[in-house]
Amino acid sequence: MAASIKPPRFQYLLLAQLVTASLMTSFGAWLGGVPVAMSALLGGAVALLPNAYFAWRMFRYQGARYTKQIVNSFYKAESGKFGLTAALFTLVFISVPPSNPAFFFSAYVVTLFAHWLSPWLMQRPSHT
């Protein structure tokens, strides 16, 4: 029977980022209305979407026989994430300038900080 390694549970990390972005959007709506909430929503989306792309791209291959593809996936996923982040920042500031840049960047940073939770969100339960 071949052993199989399950991929990390990155869905929990993405869910944590989605919840974080939603909380920032709600806080912005409560604090300053729709314009501030829209700024927070855009900031959260600029952080979340590249991370979702990275996770989708990174975990396509598993196993020792796919080592080269895994390494290539990592580099492609990371460069794609960087490019997508730059493109989203450009798109937001050109097409829909945030009415509250402080909330835009705050939501972006707070959503990115959800990565600090990744050791707890992505660990597998131990079976004894």
C-alpha atoms as a PDB file:
ATOM      1  CA  MET A   1       0.000   0.000   0.000  1.00  0.00           C
ATOM      2  CA  ALA A   2       1.511   3.309  -1.062  1.00  0.00           C
ATOM      3  CA  ALA A   3       1.674   6.079   1.482  1.00  0.00           C
ATOM      4  CA  SER A   4       0.107   9.319   0.441  1.00  0.00           C
ATOM      5  CA  ILE A   5       0.914  12.718   1.814  1.00  0.00           C
ATOM      6  CA  LYS A   6      -2.047  15.010   2.050  1.00  0.00           C
ATOM      7  CA  PRO A   7      -1.547  18.590   0.882  1.00  0.00           C
ATOM      8  CA  PRO A   8      -1.572  21.354   3.508  1.00  0.00           C
ATOM      9  CA  ARG A   9      -4.966  22.648   4.480  1.00  0.00           C
ATOM     10  CA  PHE A  10      -4.490  26.044   2.862  1.00  0.00           C
ATOM     11  CA  GLN A  11      -8.263  26.460   2.600  1.00  0.00           C
ATOM     12  CA  TYR A  12      -8.323  27.367   6.307  1.00  0.00           C
ATOM     13  CA  LEU A  13      -5.732  30.051   5.764  1.00  0.00           C
ATOM     14  CA  LEU A  14      -7.680  31.512   2.847  1.00  0.00           C
ATOM     15  CA  LEU A  15     -10.859  31.339   4.923  1.00  0.00           C
ATOM     16  CA  ALA A  16      -9.105  33.185   7.766  1.00  0.00           C
ATOM     17  CA  GLN A  17      -8.035  35.869   5.313  1.00  0.00           C
ATOM     18  CA  LEU A  18     -11.568  36.121   3.947  1.00  0.00           C
ATOM     19  CA  VAL A  19     -12.986  36.492   7.462  1.00  0.00           C
ATOM     20  CA  THR A  20     -10.346  39.100   8.284  1.00  0.00           C
ATOM     21  CA  ALA A  21     -11.134  41.097   5.153  1.00  0.00           C
ATOM     22  CA  SER A  22     -14.860  40.839   5.911  1.00  0.00           C
ATOM     23  CA  LEU A  23     -14.354  42.066   9.474  1.00  0.00           C
ATOM     24  CA  MET A  24     -12.303  45.006   8.247  1.00  0.00           C
ATOM     25  CA  THR A  25     -14.999  45.816   5.691  1.00  0.00           C
ATOM     26  CA  SER A  26     -17.694  45.652   8.366  1.00  0.00           C
ATOM     27  CA  PHE A  27     -15.623  47.825  10.686  1.00  0.00           C
ATOM     28  CA  GLY A  28     -15.134  50.325   7.866  1.00  0.00           C
ATOM     29  CA  ALA A  29     -18.867  50.385   7.162  1.00  0.00           C
ATOM     30  CA  TRP A  30     -19.616  50.974  10.821  1.00  0.00           C
ATOM     31  CA  LEU A  31     -16.959  53.653  11.166  1.00  0.00           C
ATOM     32  CA  GLY A  32     -17.331  55.603   7.922  1.00  0.00           C
ATOM     33  CA  GLY A  33     -20.081  54.177   5.764  1.00  0.00           C
ATOM     34  CA  VAL A  34     -19.965  52.685   2.303  1.00  0.00           C
ATOM     35  CA  PRO A  35     -16.925  54.572   0.930  1.00  0.00           C
ATOM     36  CA  VAL A  36     -14.698  53.434   3.808  1.00  0.00           C
ATOM     37  CA  ALA A  37     -16.101  49.904   3.620  1.00  0.00           C
ATOM     38  CA  MET A  38     -15.340  49.808  -0.112  1.00  0.00           C
ATOM     39  CA  SER A  39     -11.760  50.900   0.572  1.00  0.00           C
ATOM     40  CA  ALA A  40     -11.363  48.121   3.147  1.00  0.00           C
ATOM     41  CA  LEU A  41     -12.959  45.570   0.809  1.00  0.00           C
ATOM     42  CA  LEU A  42     -10.562  46.490  -1.984  1.00  0.00           C
ATOM     43  CA  GLY A  43      -7.574  46.286   0.368  1.00  0.00           C
ATOM     44  CA  GLY A  44      -8.634  42.857   1.576  1.00  0.00           C
ATOM     45  CA  ALA A  45      -9.190  41.660  -1.986  1.00  0.00           C
ATOM     46  CA  VAL A  46      -5.739  42.846  -3.082  1.00  0.00           C
ATOM     47  CA  ALA A  47      -4.257  40.719  -0.289  1.00  0.00           C
ATOM     48  CA  LEU A  48      -6.532  37.675  -0.639  1.00  0.00           C
ATOM     49  CA  LEU A  49      -6.677  37.100  -4.398  1.00  0.00           C
ATOM     50  CA  PRO A  50      -2.906  36.712  -4.983  1.00  0.00           C
ATOM     51  CA  ASN A  51      -2.702  34.315  -2.041  1.00  0.00           C
ATOM     52  CA  ALA A  52      -5.536  32.227  -3.458  1.00  0.00           C
ATOM     53  CA  TYR A  53      -3.721  32.142  -6.795  1.00  0.00           C
ATOM     54  CA  PHE A  54      -0.516  31.060  -5.051  1.00  0.00           C
ATOM     55  CA  ALA A  55      -2.273  28.231  -3.193  1.00  0.00           C
ATOM     56  CA  TRP A  56      -4.033  27.036  -6.347  1.00  0.00           C
ATOM     57  CA  ARG A  57      -0.823  27.078  -8.338  1.00  0.00           C
ATOM     58  CA  MET A  58       1.488  25.711  -5.651  1.00  0.00           C
ATOM     59  CA  PHE A  59      -0.310  22.570  -4.556  1.00  0.00           C
ATOM     60  CA  ARG A  60      -0.918  21.004  -7.948  1.00  0.00           C
ATOM     61  CA  TYR A  61       1.773  18.312  -7.570  1.00  0.00           C
ATOM     62  CA  GLN A  62       2.550  15.903  -4.732  1.00  0.00           C
ATOM     63  CA  GLY A  63       5.092  13.208  -4.121  1.00  0.00           C
ATOM     64  CA  ALA A  64       8.804  12.613  -4.539  1.00  0.00           C
ATOM     65  CA  ARG A  65       8.573  11.772  -8.223  1.00  0.00           C
ATOM     66  CA  TYR A  66       7.250  15.280  -8.911  1.00  0.00           C
ATOM     67  CA  THR A  67      10.038  17.134  -7.100  1.00  0.00           C
ATOM     68  CA  LYS A  68      11.070  19.137 -10.164  1.00  0.00           C
ATOM     69  CA  GLN A  69       7.461  20.111 -10.913  1.00  0.00           C
ATOM     70  CA  ILE A  70       6.931  21.098  -7.268  1.00  0.00           C
ATOM     71  CA  VAL A  71       9.956  23.398  -7.306  1.00  0.00           C
ATOM     72  CA  ASN A  72       8.898  24.888 -10.651  1.00  0.00           C
ATOM     73  CA  SER A  73       5.358  25.340  -9.307  1.00  0.00           C
ATOM     74  CA  PHE A  74       6.696  27.247  -6.341  1.00  0.00           C
ATOM     75  CA  TYR A  75       8.657  29.701  -8.470  1.00  0.00           C
ATOM     76  CA  LYS A  76       5.798  30.179 -10.924  1.00  0.00           C
ATOM     77  CA  ALA A  77       3.280  30.586  -8.112  1.00  0.00           C
ATOM     78  CA  GLU A  78       5.422  33.125  -6.263  1.00  0.00           C
ATOM     79  CA  SER A  79       6.170  35.181  -9.376  1.00  0.00           C
ATOM     80  CA  GLY A  80       2.514  35.052 -10.387  1.00  0.00           C
ATOM     81  CA  LYS A  81       1.479  36.163  -6.908  1.00  0.00           C
ATOM     82  CA  PHE A  82       3.884  39.098  -7.062  1.00  0.00           C
ATOM     83  CA  GLY A  83       2.697  40.098 -10.540  1.00  0.00           C
ATOM     84  CA  LEU A  84      -0.955  39.764  -9.582  1.00  0.00           C
ATOM     85  CA  THR A  85      -0.413  41.879  -6.457  1.00  0.00           C
ATOM     86  CA  ALA A  86       1.243  44.626  -8.499  1.00  0.00           C
ATOM     87  CA  ALA A  87      -1.502  44.455 -11.139  1.00  0.00           C
ATOM     88  CA  LEU A  88      -4.274  44.631  -8.534  1.00  0.00           C
ATOM     89  CA  PHE A  89      -2.683  47.618  -6.795  1.00  0.00           C
ATOM     90  CA  THR A  90      -2.387  49.356 -10.160  1.00  0.00           C
ATOM     91  CA  LEU A  91      -5.948  48.468 -11.144  1.00  0.00           C
ATOM     92  CA  VAL A  92      -7.388  49.722  -7.862  1.00  0.00           C
ATOM     93  CA  PHE A  93      -5.535  53.018  -7.866  1.00  0.00           C
ATOM     94  CA  ILE A  94      -6.277  53.739 -11.527  1.00  0.00           C
ATOM     95  CA  SER A  95      -9.896  52.589 -11.863  1.00  0.00           C
ATOM     96  CA  VAL A  96     -11.357  52.895  -8.356  1.00  0.00           C
ATOM     97  CA  PRO A  97      -9.157  55.091  -6.175  1.00  0.00           C
ATOM     98  CA  PRO A  98      -9.936  54.266  -2.541  1.00  0.00           C
ATOM     99  CA  SER A  99     -11.753  57.064  -0.777  1.00  0.00           C
ATOM    100  CA  ASN A 100      -9.899  56.186   2.411  1.00  0.00           C
ATOM    101  CA  PRO A 101      -6.327  55.039   1.699  1.00  0.00           C
ATOM    102  CA  ALA A 102      -5.712  54.424   5.414  1.00  0.00           C
ATOM    103  CA  PHE A 103      -8.453  51.792   5.519  1.00  0.00           C
ATOM    104  CA  PHE A 104      -7.351  50.349   2.184  1.00  0.00           C
ATOM    105  CA  PHE A 105      -3.808  49.749   3.415  1.00  0.00           C
ATOM    106  CA  SER A 106      -4.966  48.723   6.885  1.00  0.00           C
ATOM    107  CA  ALA A 107      -7.233  46.033   5.443  1.00  0.00           C
ATOM    108  CA  TYR A 108      -4.432  44.906   3.145  1.00  0.00           C
ATOM    109  CA  VAL A 109      -1.921  44.585   5.980  1.00  0.00           C
ATOM    110  CA  VAL A 110      -4.333  42.981   8.458  1.00  0.00           C
ATOM    111  CA  THR A 111      -5.434  40.446   5.836  1.00  0.00           C
ATOM    112  CA  LEU A 112      -1.796  39.617   5.100  1.00  0.00           C
ATOM    113  CA  PHE A 113      -1.125  39.199   8.824  1.00  0.00           C
ATOM    114  CA  ALA A 114      -3.578  36.297   8.814  1.00  0.00           C
ATOM    115  CA  HIS A 115      -0.571  34.364   7.462  1.00  0.00           C
ATOM    116  CA  TRP A 116       0.824  34.481  10.968  1.00  0.00           C
ATOM    117  CA  LEU A 117      -1.959  32.075  11.864  1.00  0.00           C
ATOM    118  CA  SER A 118      -0.822  29.570   9.250  1.00  0.00           C
ATOM    119  CA  PRO A 119       1.107  27.274  11.619  1.00  0.00           C
ATOM    120  CA  TRP A 120      -2.107  26.676  13.546  1.00  0.00           C
ATOM    121  CA  LEU A 121      -4.523  26.722  10.641  1.00  0.00           C
ATOM    122  CA  MET A 122      -2.590  24.374   8.377  1.00  0.00           C
ATOM    123  CA  GLN A 123      -1.383  21.778  10.884  1.00  0.00           C
ATOM    124  CA  ARG A 124      -2.769  18.304  10.779  1.00  0.00           C
ATOM    125  CA  PRO A 125      -4.343  16.809  13.888  1.00  0.00           C
ATOM    126  CA  SER A 126      -2.121  14.185  15.466  1.00  0.00           C
ATOM    127  CA  HIS A 127      -3.560  10.731  15.895  1.00  0.00           C
ATOM    128  CA  THR A 128      -2.192   8.762  18.796  1.00  0.00           C
END
